[in-house]
Amino acid sequence: MESVSKKIPGGVQSAYFDVWYLPSEDKSNGELNSKCTSLKVSLAIADITKKIDHFKKSLFYFSEALLSCKTEQEINNLNLLINKLADVGGFAVDFKEIS
């Protein structure tokens, strides 16, 4: 699997960051959107390192995001976000399979 993220001076560059979609479309659930932003960063790091600890961290953020969902629609939207990230490629493809 080809990585879509890379380490750059001062941080991380990732195609995942180009996915602007967040599950709380009307921004009424800021906690959910915040957890999903953390999930994207975690997926980018896991995509770079391929380390199990970073994989587990991504699962943690996914779980946190799922627990932040207040409606069935937000759960569906979280699934849509995971699908959009997987469409980008890299580690998110494998992540989609287990989430």
PDB file of N, CA and C in Angstrom:
ATOM      1  N   MET A   1       0.845  -1.174   0.000  1.00  0.00           N
ATOM      2  CA  MET A   1       0.000   0.000   0.000  1.00  0.00           C
ATOM      3  C   MET A   1       0.892   1.239   0.000  1.00  0.00           C
ATOM      4  N   GLU A   2       0.606   2.125  -0.896  1.00  0.00           N
ATOM      5  CA  GLU A   2       1.384   3.359  -1.016  1.00  0.00           C
ATOM      6  C   GLU A   2       0.851   4.407  -0.034  1.00  0.00           C
ATOM      7  N   SER A   3       1.770   5.044   0.661  1.00  0.00           N
ATOM      8  CA  SER A   3       1.407   6.067   1.631  1.00  0.00           C
ATOM      9  C   SER A   3       0.928   7.339   0.930  1.00  0.00           C
ATOM     10  N   VAL A   4      -0.050   8.002   1.521  1.00  0.00           N
ATOM     11  CA  VAL A   4      -0.535   9.286   1.003  1.00  0.00           C
ATOM     12  C   VAL A   4      -0.155  10.423   1.958  1.00  0.00           C
ATOM     13  N   SER A   5       0.733  10.099   2.900  1.00  0.00           N
ATOM     14  CA  SER A   5       1.176  11.064   3.901  1.00  0.00           C
ATOM     15  C   SER A   5       2.698  11.020   3.988  1.00  0.00           C
ATOM     16  N   LYS A   6       3.278  12.136   4.404  1.00  0.00           N
ATOM     17  CA  LYS A   6       4.724  12.151   4.602  1.00  0.00           C
ATOM     18  C   LYS A   6       5.091  13.160   5.681  1.00  0.00           C
ATOM     19  N   LYS A   7       6.213  12.863   6.321  1.00  0.00           N
ATOM     20  CA  LYS A   7       6.752  13.772   7.330  1.00  0.00           C
ATOM     21  C   LYS A   7       7.484  14.886   6.608  1.00  0.00           C
ATOM     22  N   ILE A   8       7.226  16.109   7.034  1.00  0.00           N
ATOM     23  CA  ILE A   8       7.912  17.276   6.475  1.00  0.00           C
ATOM     24  C   ILE A   8       8.486  18.075   7.638  1.00  0.00           C
ATOM     25  N   PRO A   9       9.431  18.948   7.375  1.00  0.00           N
ATOM     26  CA  PRO A   9       9.970  19.762   8.464  1.00  0.00           C
ATOM     27  C   PRO A   9       8.834  20.502   9.188  1.00  0.00           C
ATOM     28  N   GLY A  10       8.752  20.278  10.477  1.00  0.00           N
ATOM     29  CA  GLY A  10       7.748  20.960  11.276  1.00  0.00           C
ATOM     30  C   GLY A  10       6.386  20.305  11.319  1.00  0.00           C
ATOM     31  N   GLY A  11       6.224  19.111  10.715  1.00  0.00           N
ATOM     32  CA  GLY A  11       4.914  18.486  10.778  1.00  0.00           C
ATOM     33  C   GLY A  11       4.685  17.345   9.818  1.00  0.00           C
ATOM     34  N   VAL A  12       3.441  17.236   9.407  1.00  0.00           N
ATOM     35  CA  VAL A  12       2.984  16.142   8.548  1.00  0.00           C
ATOM     36  C   VAL A  12       2.186  16.729   7.395  1.00  0.00           C
ATOM     37  N   GLN A  13       2.409  16.190   6.215  1.00  0.00           N
ATOM     38  CA  GLN A  13       1.623  16.558   5.038  1.00  0.00           C
ATOM     39  C   GLN A  13       0.862  15.306   4.619  1.00  0.00           C
ATOM     40  N   SER A  14      -0.444  15.443   4.387  1.00  0.00           N
ATOM     41  CA  SER A  14      -1.239  14.271   4.052  1.00  0.00           C
ATOM     42  C   SER A  14      -2.405  14.636   3.143  1.00  0.00           C
ATOM     43  N   ALA A  15      -2.695  13.737   2.232  1.00  0.00           N
ATOM     44  CA  ALA A  15      -3.874  13.898   1.379  1.00  0.00           C
ATOM     45  C   ALA A  15      -5.154  13.787   2.204  1.00  0.00           C
ATOM     46  N   TYR A  16      -5.081  13.179   3.384  1.00  0.00           N
ATOM     47  CA  TYR A  16      -6.261  13.103   4.255  1.00  0.00           C
ATOM     48  C   TYR A  16      -6.731  14.496   4.674  1.00  0.00           C
ATOM     49  N   PHE A  17      -5.799  15.419   4.767  1.00  0.00           N
ATOM     50  CA  PHE A  17      -6.152  16.773   5.191  1.00  0.00           C
ATOM     51  C   PHE A  17      -6.916  17.530   4.106  1.00  0.00           C
ATOM     52  N   ASP A  18      -6.905  16.993   2.897  1.00  0.00           N
ATOM     53  CA  ASP A  18      -7.670  17.596   1.797  1.00  0.00           C
ATOM     54  C   ASP A  18      -9.151  17.204   1.835  1.00  0.00           C
ATOM     55  N   VAL A  19      -9.489  16.249   2.701  1.00  0.00           N
ATOM     56  CA  VAL A  19     -10.887  15.844   2.879  1.00  0.00           C
ATOM     57  C   VAL A  19     -11.490  16.795   3.909  1.00  0.00           C
ATOM     58  N   TRP A  20     -12.285  17.729   3.441  1.00  0.00           N
ATOM     59  CA  TRP A  20     -12.841  18.771   4.303  1.00  0.00           C
ATOM     60  C   TRP A  20     -14.122  18.351   4.994  1.00  0.00           C
ATOM     61  N   TYR A  21     -14.689  17.250   4.594  1.00  0.00           N
ATOM     62  CA  TYR A  21     -15.961  16.784   5.153  1.00  0.00           C
ATOM     63  C   TYR A  21     -15.813  16.432   6.634  1.00  0.00           C
ATOM     64  N   LEU A  22     -16.780  16.862   7.441  1.00  0.00           N
ATOM     65  CA  LEU A  22     -16.857  16.472   8.846  1.00  0.00           C
ATOM     66  C   LEU A  22     -18.282  16.027   9.145  1.00  0.00           C
ATOM     67  N   PRO A  23     -18.452  15.021  10.024  1.00  0.00           N
ATOM     68  CA  PRO A  23     -19.763  14.408  10.254  1.00  0.00           C
ATOM     69  C   PRO A  23     -20.858  15.327  10.791  1.00  0.00           C
ATOM     70  N   SER A  24     -20.492  16.323  11.582  1.00  0.00           N
ATOM     71  CA  SER A  24     -21.506  17.259  12.057  1.00  0.00           C
ATOM     72  C   SER A  24     -21.575  18.397  11.048  1.00  0.00           C
ATOM     73  N   GLU A  25     -22.332  18.136   9.984  1.00  0.00           N
ATOM     74  CA  GLU A  25     -22.353  19.065   8.843  1.00  0.00           C
ATOM     75  C   GLU A  25     -22.817  20.463   9.228  1.00  0.00           C
ATOM     76  N   ASP A  26     -23.753  20.547  10.165  1.00  0.00           N
ATOM     77  CA  ASP A  26     -24.247  21.864  10.579  1.00  0.00           C
ATOM     78  C   ASP A  26     -23.418  22.455  11.725  1.00  0.00           C
ATOM     79  N   LYS A  27     -22.350  21.761  12.095  1.00  0.00           N
ATOM     80  CA  LYS A  27     -21.407  22.199  13.133  1.00  0.00           C
ATOM     81  C   LYS A  27     -22.035  22.268  14.521  1.00  0.00           C
ATOM     82  N   SER A  28     -23.172  21.608  14.724  1.00  0.00           N
ATOM     83  CA  SER A  28     -23.828  21.616  16.028  1.00  0.00           C
ATOM     84  C   SER A  28     -23.135  20.699  17.038  1.00  0.00           C
ATOM     85  N   ASN A  29     -22.332  19.760  16.541  1.00  0.00           N
ATOM     86  CA  ASN A  29     -21.606  18.846  17.425  1.00  0.00           C
ATOM     87  C   ASN A  29     -20.108  19.069  17.228  1.00  0.00           C
ATOM     88  N   GLY A  30     -19.617  20.104  17.875  1.00  0.00           N
ATOM     89  CA  GLY A  30     -18.208  20.454  17.749  1.00  0.00           C
ATOM     90  C   GLY A  30     -17.277  19.382  18.279  1.00  0.00           C
ATOM     91  N   GLU A  31     -17.719  18.666  19.311  1.00  0.00           N
ATOM     92  CA  GLU A  31     -16.896  17.593  19.867  1.00  0.00           C
ATOM     93  C   GLU A  31     -16.659  16.501  18.826  1.00  0.00           C
ATOM     94  N   LEU A  32     -17.699  16.123  18.109  1.00  0.00           N
ATOM     95  CA  LEU A  32     -17.576  15.101  17.066  1.00  0.00           C
ATOM     96  C   LEU A  32     -16.599  15.561  15.992  1.00  0.00           C
ATOM     97  N   ASN A  33     -16.759  16.768  15.516  1.00  0.00           N
ATOM     98  CA  ASN A  33     -15.863  17.274  14.473  1.00  0.00           C
ATOM     99  C   ASN A  33     -14.428  17.346  14.963  1.00  0.00           C
ATOM    100  N   SER A  34     -14.228  17.727  16.225  1.00  0.00           N
ATOM    101  CA  SER A  34     -12.884  17.792  16.796  1.00  0.00           C
ATOM    102  C   SER A  34     -12.244  16.404  16.862  1.00  0.00           C
ATOM    103  N   LYS A  35     -13.019  15.419  17.288  1.00  0.00           N
ATOM    104  CA  LYS A  35     -12.507  14.042  17.357  1.00  0.00           C
ATOM    105  C   LYS A  35     -12.160  13.520  15.960  1.00  0.00           C
ATOM    106  N   CYS A  36     -12.958  13.901  14.969  1.00  0.00           N
ATOM    107  CA  CYS A  36     -12.688  13.456  13.596  1.00  0.00           C
ATOM    108  C   CYS A  36     -11.437  14.128  13.032  1.00  0.00           C
ATOM    109  N   THR A  37     -11.192  15.358  13.414  1.00  0.00           N
ATOM    110  CA  THR A  37      -9.958  16.030  12.997  1.00  0.00           C
ATOM    111  C   THR A  37      -8.757  15.315  13.611  1.00  0.00           C
ATOM    112  N   SER A  38      -8.868  14.950  14.890  1.00  0.00           N
ATOM    113  CA  SER A  38      -7.795  14.178  15.537  1.00  0.00           C
ATOM    114  C   SER A  38      -7.616  12.829  14.861  1.00  0.00           C
ATOM    115  N   LEU A  39      -8.716  12.214  14.454  1.00  0.00           N
ATOM    116  CA  LEU A  39      -8.650  10.930  13.749  1.00  0.00           C
ATOM    117  C   LEU A  39      -7.882  11.080  12.438  1.00  0.00           C
ATOM    118  N   LYS A  40      -8.144  12.143  11.696  1.00  0.00           N
ATOM    119  CA  LYS A  40      -7.427  12.345  10.428  1.00  0.00           C
ATOM    120  C   LYS A  40      -5.930  12.502  10.655  1.00  0.00           C
ATOM    121  N   VAL A  41      -5.548  13.236  11.677  1.00  0.00           N
ATOM    122  CA  VAL A  41      -4.124  13.411  11.994  1.00  0.00           C
ATOM    123  C   VAL A  41      -3.521  12.065  12.389  1.00  0.00           C
ATOM    124  N   SER A  42      -4.231  11.327  13.212  1.00  0.00           N
ATOM    125  CA  SER A  42      -3.746  10.022  13.650  1.00  0.00           C
ATOM    126  C   SER A  42      -3.596   9.050  12.481  1.00  0.00           C
ATOM    127  N   LEU A  43      -4.556   9.061  11.570  1.00  0.00           N
ATOM    128  CA  LEU A  43      -4.454   8.209  10.383  1.00  0.00           C
ATOM    129  C   LEU A  43      -3.250   8.597   9.527  1.00  0.00           C
ATOM    130  N   ALA A  44      -2.986   9.882   9.417  1.00  0.00           N
ATOM    131  CA  ALA A  44      -1.838  10.342   8.637  1.00  0.00           C
ATOM    132  C   ALA A  44      -0.535   9.839   9.260  1.00  0.00           C
ATOM    133  N   ILE A  45      -0.444   9.919  10.572  1.00  0.00           N
ATOM    134  CA  ILE A  45       0.768   9.451  11.254  1.00  0.00           C
ATOM    135  C   ILE A  45       0.909   7.939  11.098  1.00  0.00           C
ATOM    136  N   ALA A  46      -0.190   7.206  11.257  1.00  0.00           N
ATOM    137  CA  ALA A  46      -0.154   5.755  11.064  1.00  0.00           C
ATOM    138  C   ALA A  46       0.221   5.409   9.628  1.00  0.00           C
ATOM    139  N   ASP A  47      -0.238   6.209   8.685  1.00  0.00           N
ATOM    140  CA  ASP A  47       0.075   5.995   7.273  1.00  0.00           C
ATOM    141  C   ASP A  47       1.581   6.156   7.021  1.00  0.00           C
ATOM    142  N   ILE A  48       2.200   7.064   7.742  1.00  0.00           N
ATOM    143  CA  ILE A  48       3.635   7.294   7.589  1.00  0.00           C
ATOM    144  C   ILE A  48       4.446   6.186   8.257  1.00  0.00           C
ATOM    145  N   THR A  49       4.103   5.885   9.510  1.00  0.00           N
ATOM    146  CA  THR A  49       4.951   4.993  10.313  1.00  0.00           C
ATOM    147  C   THR A  49       4.647   3.511  10.158  1.00  0.00           C
ATOM    148  N   LYS A  50       3.389   3.184   9.878  1.00  0.00           N
ATOM    149  CA  LYS A  50       2.930   1.785   9.798  1.00  0.00           C
ATOM    150  C   LYS A  50       3.119   1.043  11.128  1.00  0.00           C
ATOM    151  N   LYS A  51       3.195   1.782  12.244  1.00  0.00           N
ATOM    152  CA  LYS A  51       3.403   1.172  13.559  1.00  0.00           C
ATOM    153  C   LYS A  51       2.071   0.813  14.200  1.00  0.00           C
ATOM    154  N   ILE A  52       2.045  -0.318  14.909  1.00  0.00           N
ATOM    155  CA  ILE A  52       0.826  -0.801  15.560  1.00  0.00           C
ATOM    156  C   ILE A  52       0.321   0.198  16.601  1.00  0.00           C
ATOM    157  N   ASP A  53       1.229   0.880  17.302  1.00  0.00           N
ATOM    158  CA  ASP A  53       0.803   1.858  18.303  1.00  0.00           C
ATOM    159  C   ASP A  53       0.024   3.008  17.660  1.00  0.00           C
ATOM    160  N   HIS A  54       0.432   3.418  16.485  1.00  0.00           N
ATOM    161  CA  HIS A  54      -0.279   4.491  15.791  1.00  0.00           C
ATOM    162  C   HIS A  54      -1.605   3.984  15.224  1.00  0.00           C
ATOM    163  N   PHE A  55      -1.633   2.734  14.840  1.00  0.00           N
ATOM    164  CA  PHE A  55      -2.874   2.102  14.413  1.00  0.00           C
ATOM    165  C   PHE A  55      -3.878   2.092  15.573  1.00  0.00           C
ATOM    166  N   LYS A  56      -3.398   1.699  16.752  1.00  0.00           N
ATOM    167  CA  LYS A  56      -4.260   1.662  17.932  1.00  0.00           C
ATOM    168  C   LYS A  56      -4.763   3.062  18.283  1.00  0.00           C
ATOM    169  N   LYS A  57      -3.924   4.054  18.126  1.00  0.00           N
ATOM    170  CA  LYS A  57      -4.324   5.427  18.409  1.00  0.00           C
ATOM    171  C   LYS A  57      -5.443   5.852  17.451  1.00  0.00           C
ATOM    172  N   SER A  58      -5.346   5.436  16.198  1.00  0.00           N
ATOM    173  CA  SER A  58      -6.405   5.738  15.233  1.00  0.00           C
ATOM    174  C   SER A  58      -7.715   5.080  15.651  1.00  0.00           C
ATOM    175  N   LEU A  59      -7.642   3.849  16.117  1.00  0.00           N
ATOM    176  CA  LEU A  59      -8.846   3.173  16.613  1.00  0.00           C
ATOM    177  C   LEU A  59      -9.422   3.902  17.815  1.00  0.00           C
ATOM    178  N   PHE A  60      -8.553   4.407  18.683  1.00  0.00           N
ATOM    179  CA  PHE A  60      -8.995   5.164  19.842  1.00  0.00           C
ATOM    180  C   PHE A  60      -9.777   6.406  19.401  1.00  0.00           C
ATOM    181  N   TYR A  61      -9.219   7.162  18.455  1.00  0.00           N
ATOM    182  CA  TYR A  61      -9.904   8.372  17.998  1.00  0.00           C
ATOM    183  C   TYR A  61     -11.208   8.052  17.271  1.00  0.00           C
ATOM    184  N   PHE A  62     -11.222   6.942  16.543  1.00  0.00           N
ATOM    185  CA  PHE A  62     -12.467   6.519  15.906  1.00  0.00           C
ATOM    186  C   PHE A  62     -13.521   6.213  16.971  1.00  0.00           C
ATOM    187  N   SER A  63     -13.117   5.489  18.004  1.00  0.00           N
ATOM    188  CA  SER A  63     -14.038   5.161  19.097  1.00  0.00           C
ATOM    189  C   SER A  63     -14.547   6.425  19.777  1.00  0.00           C
ATOM    190  N   GLU A  64     -13.651   7.366  20.015  1.00  0.00           N
ATOM    191  CA  GLU A  64     -14.036   8.635  20.625  1.00  0.00           C
ATOM    192  C   GLU A  64     -15.034   9.381  19.737  1.00  0.00           C
ATOM    193  N   ALA A  65     -14.782   9.371  18.446  1.00  0.00           N
ATOM    194  CA  ALA A  65     -15.698  10.036  17.511  1.00  0.00           C
ATOM    195  C   ALA A  65     -17.050   9.348  17.520  1.00  0.00           C
ATOM    196  N   LEU A  66     -17.047   8.036  17.498  1.00  0.00           N
ATOM    197  CA  LEU A  66     -18.299   7.282  17.509  1.00  0.00           C
ATOM    198  C   LEU A  66     -19.099   7.580  18.780  1.00  0.00           C
ATOM    199  N   LEU A  67     -18.412   7.640  19.910  1.00  0.00           N
ATOM    200  CA  LEU A  67     -19.089   7.940  21.173  1.00  0.00           C
ATOM    201  C   LEU A  67     -19.614   9.376  21.218  1.00  0.00           C
ATOM    202  N   SER A  68     -19.040  10.239  20.407  1.00  0.00           N
ATOM    203  CA  SER A  68     -19.473  11.636  20.354  1.00  0.00           C
ATOM    204  C   SER A  68     -20.711  11.838  19.490  1.00  0.00           C
ATOM    205  N   CYS A  69     -21.059  10.840  18.701  1.00  0.00           N
ATOM    206  CA  CYS A  69     -22.236  10.943  17.844  1.00  0.00           C
ATOM    207  C   CYS A  69     -23.497  10.994  18.696  1.00  0.00           C
ATOM    208  N   LYS A  70     -24.357  11.944  18.380  1.00  0.00           N
ATOM    209  CA  LYS A  70     -25.600  12.118  19.139  1.00  0.00           C
ATOM    210  C   LYS A  70     -26.832  11.618  18.393  1.00  0.00           C
ATOM    211  N   THR A  71     -26.677  11.398  17.097  1.00  0.00           N
ATOM    212  CA  THR A  71     -27.809  10.946  16.294  1.00  0.00           C
ATOM    213  C   THR A  71     -27.359   9.831  15.351  1.00  0.00           C
ATOM    214  N   GLU A  72     -28.328   9.110  14.840  1.00  0.00           N
ATOM    215  CA  GLU A  72     -28.021   8.073  13.853  1.00  0.00           C
ATOM    216  C   GLU A  72     -27.419   8.698  12.596  1.00  0.00           C
ATOM    217  N   GLN A  73     -27.895   9.887  12.243  1.00  0.00           N
ATOM    218  CA  GLN A  73     -27.359  10.567  11.064  1.00  0.00           C
ATOM    219  C   GLN A  73     -25.872  10.874  11.249  1.00  0.00           C
ATOM    220  N   GLU A  74     -25.469  11.271  12.443  1.00  0.00           N
ATOM    221  CA  GLU A  74     -24.047  11.539  12.686  1.00  0.00           C
ATOM    222  C   GLU A  74     -23.223  10.260  12.581  1.00  0.00           C
ATOM    223  N   ILE A  75     -23.780   9.132  13.008  1.00  0.00           N
ATOM    224  CA  ILE A  75     -23.077   7.849  12.852  1.00  0.00           C
ATOM    225  C   ILE A  75     -22.907   7.541  11.367  1.00  0.00           C
ATOM    226  N   ASN A  76     -23.964   7.747  10.601  1.00  0.00           N
ATOM    227  CA  ASN A  76     -23.886   7.531   9.146  1.00  0.00           C
ATOM    228  C   ASN A  76     -22.859   8.472   8.515  1.00  0.00           C
ATOM    229  N   ASN A  77     -22.836   9.709   8.998  1.00  0.00           N
ATOM    230  CA  ASN A  77     -21.890  10.691   8.468  1.00  0.00           C
ATOM    231  C   ASN A  77     -20.453  10.331   8.838  1.00  0.00           C
ATOM    232  N   LEU A  78     -20.250   9.760  10.023  1.00  0.00           N
ATOM    233  CA  LEU A  78     -18.908   9.304  10.420  1.00  0.00           C
ATOM    234  C   LEU A  78     -18.454   8.189   9.482  1.00  0.00           C
ATOM    235  N   ASN A  79     -19.362   7.284   9.165  1.00  0.00           N
ATOM    236  CA  ASN A  79     -19.048   6.217   8.210  1.00  0.00           C
ATOM    237  C   ASN A  79     -18.703   6.807   6.839  1.00  0.00           C
ATOM    238  N   LEU A  80     -19.431   7.840   6.442  1.00  0.00           N
ATOM    239  CA  LEU A  80     -19.143   8.505   5.176  1.00  0.00           C
ATOM    240  C   LEU A  80     -17.741   9.123   5.195  1.00  0.00           C
ATOM    241  N   LEU A  81     -17.372   9.736   6.313  1.00  0.00           N
ATOM    242  CA  LEU A  81     -16.021  10.302   6.429  1.00  0.00           C
ATOM    243  C   LEU A  81     -14.962   9.214   6.265  1.00  0.00           C
ATOM    244  N   ILE A  82     -15.152   8.081   6.928  1.00  0.00           N
ATOM    245  CA  ILE A  82     -14.192   6.976   6.813  1.00  0.00           C
ATOM    246  C   ILE A  82     -14.093   6.519   5.354  1.00  0.00           C
ATOM    247  N   ASN A  83     -15.210   6.438   4.677  1.00  0.00           N
ATOM    248  CA  ASN A  83     -15.203   6.049   3.263  1.00  0.00           C
ATOM    249  C   ASN A  83     -14.476   7.069   2.400  1.00  0.00           C
ATOM    250  N   LYS A  84     -14.685   8.355   2.678  1.00  0.00           N
ATOM    251  CA  LYS A  84     -14.000   9.405   1.916  1.00  0.00           C
ATOM    252  C   LYS A  84     -12.489   9.336   2.140  1.00  0.00           C
ATOM    253  N   LEU A  85     -12.078   9.076   3.380  1.00  0.00           N
ATOM    254  CA  LEU A  85     -10.647   8.959   3.675  1.00  0.00           C
ATOM    255  C   LEU A  85     -10.057   7.724   2.983  1.00  0.00           C
ATOM    256  N   ALA A  86     -10.802   6.636   2.988  1.00  0.00           N
ATOM    257  CA  ALA A  86     -10.344   5.410   2.318  1.00  0.00           C
ATOM    258  C   ALA A  86     -10.233   5.617   0.811  1.00  0.00           C
ATOM    259  N   ASP A  87     -11.114   6.433   0.247  1.00  0.00           N
ATOM    260  CA  ASP A  87     -11.032   6.729  -1.184  1.00  0.00           C
ATOM    261  C   ASP A  87      -9.726   7.442  -1.538  1.00  0.00           C
ATOM    262  N   VAL A  88      -9.154   8.167  -0.579  1.00  0.00           N
ATOM    263  CA  VAL A  88      -7.872   8.845  -0.794  1.00  0.00           C
ATOM    264  C   VAL A  88      -6.763   7.809  -0.940  1.00  0.00           C
ATOM    265  N   GLY A  89      -6.875   6.718  -0.177  1.00  0.00           N
ATOM    266  CA  GLY A  89      -5.877   5.655  -0.239  1.00  0.00           C
ATOM    267  C   GLY A  89      -5.089   5.538   1.047  1.00  0.00           C
ATOM    268  N   GLY A  90      -3.915   4.942   0.938  1.00  0.00           N
ATOM    269  CA  GLY A  90      -3.041   4.783   2.093  1.00  0.00           C
ATOM    270  C   GLY A  90      -3.643   3.922   3.186  1.00  0.00           C
ATOM    271  N   PHE A  91      -3.234   4.199   4.405  1.00  0.00           N
ATOM    272  CA  PHE A  91      -3.638   3.416   5.564  1.00  0.00           C
ATOM    273  C   PHE A  91      -5.141   3.412   5.780  1.00  0.00           C
ATOM    274  N   ALA A  92      -5.824   4.464   5.402  1.00  0.00           N
ATOM    275  CA  ALA A  92      -7.269   4.546   5.628  1.00  0.00           C
ATOM    276  C   ALA A  92      -8.028   3.429   4.923  1.00  0.00           C
ATOM    277  N   VAL A  93      -7.472   2.873   3.868  1.00  0.00           N
ATOM    278  CA  VAL A  93      -8.107   1.747   3.179  1.00  0.00           C
ATOM    279  C   VAL A  93      -8.214   0.567   4.132  1.00  0.00           C
ATOM    280  N   ASP A  94      -7.093   0.246   4.803  1.00  0.00           N
ATOM    281  CA  ASP A  94      -7.095  -0.852   5.778  1.00  0.00           C
ATOM    282  C   ASP A  94      -7.934  -0.505   6.992  1.00  0.00           C
ATOM    283  N   PHE A  95      -7.878   0.742   7.405  1.00  0.00           N
ATOM    284  CA  PHE A  95      -8.642   1.176   8.566  1.00  0.00           C
ATOM    285  C   PHE A  95     -10.134   0.989   8.315  1.00  0.00           C
ATOM    286  N   LYS A  96     -10.569   1.288   7.126  1.00  0.00           N
ATOM    287  CA  LYS A  96     -11.989   1.143   6.761  1.00  0.00           C
ATOM    288  C   LYS A  96     -12.448  -0.300   6.941  1.00  0.00           C
ATOM    289  N   GLU A  97     -11.580  -1.232   6.634  1.00  0.00           N
ATOM    290  CA  GLU A  97     -11.928  -2.649   6.711  1.00  0.00           C
ATOM    291  C   GLU A  97     -12.253  -3.088   8.135  1.00  0.00           C
ATOM    292  N   ILE A  98     -11.630  -2.458   9.126  1.00  0.00           N
ATOM    293  CA  ILE A  98     -11.820  -2.908  10.508  1.00  0.00           C
ATOM    294  C   ILE A  98     -12.678  -1.972  11.337  1.00  0.00           C
ATOM    295  N   SER A  99     -12.964  -0.800  10.836  1.00  0.00           N
ATOM    296  CA  SER A  99     -13.748   0.140  11.649  1.00  0.00           C
ATOM    297  C   SER A  99     -15.231  -0.062  11.435  1.00  0.00           C
TER     298      SER A  99
END
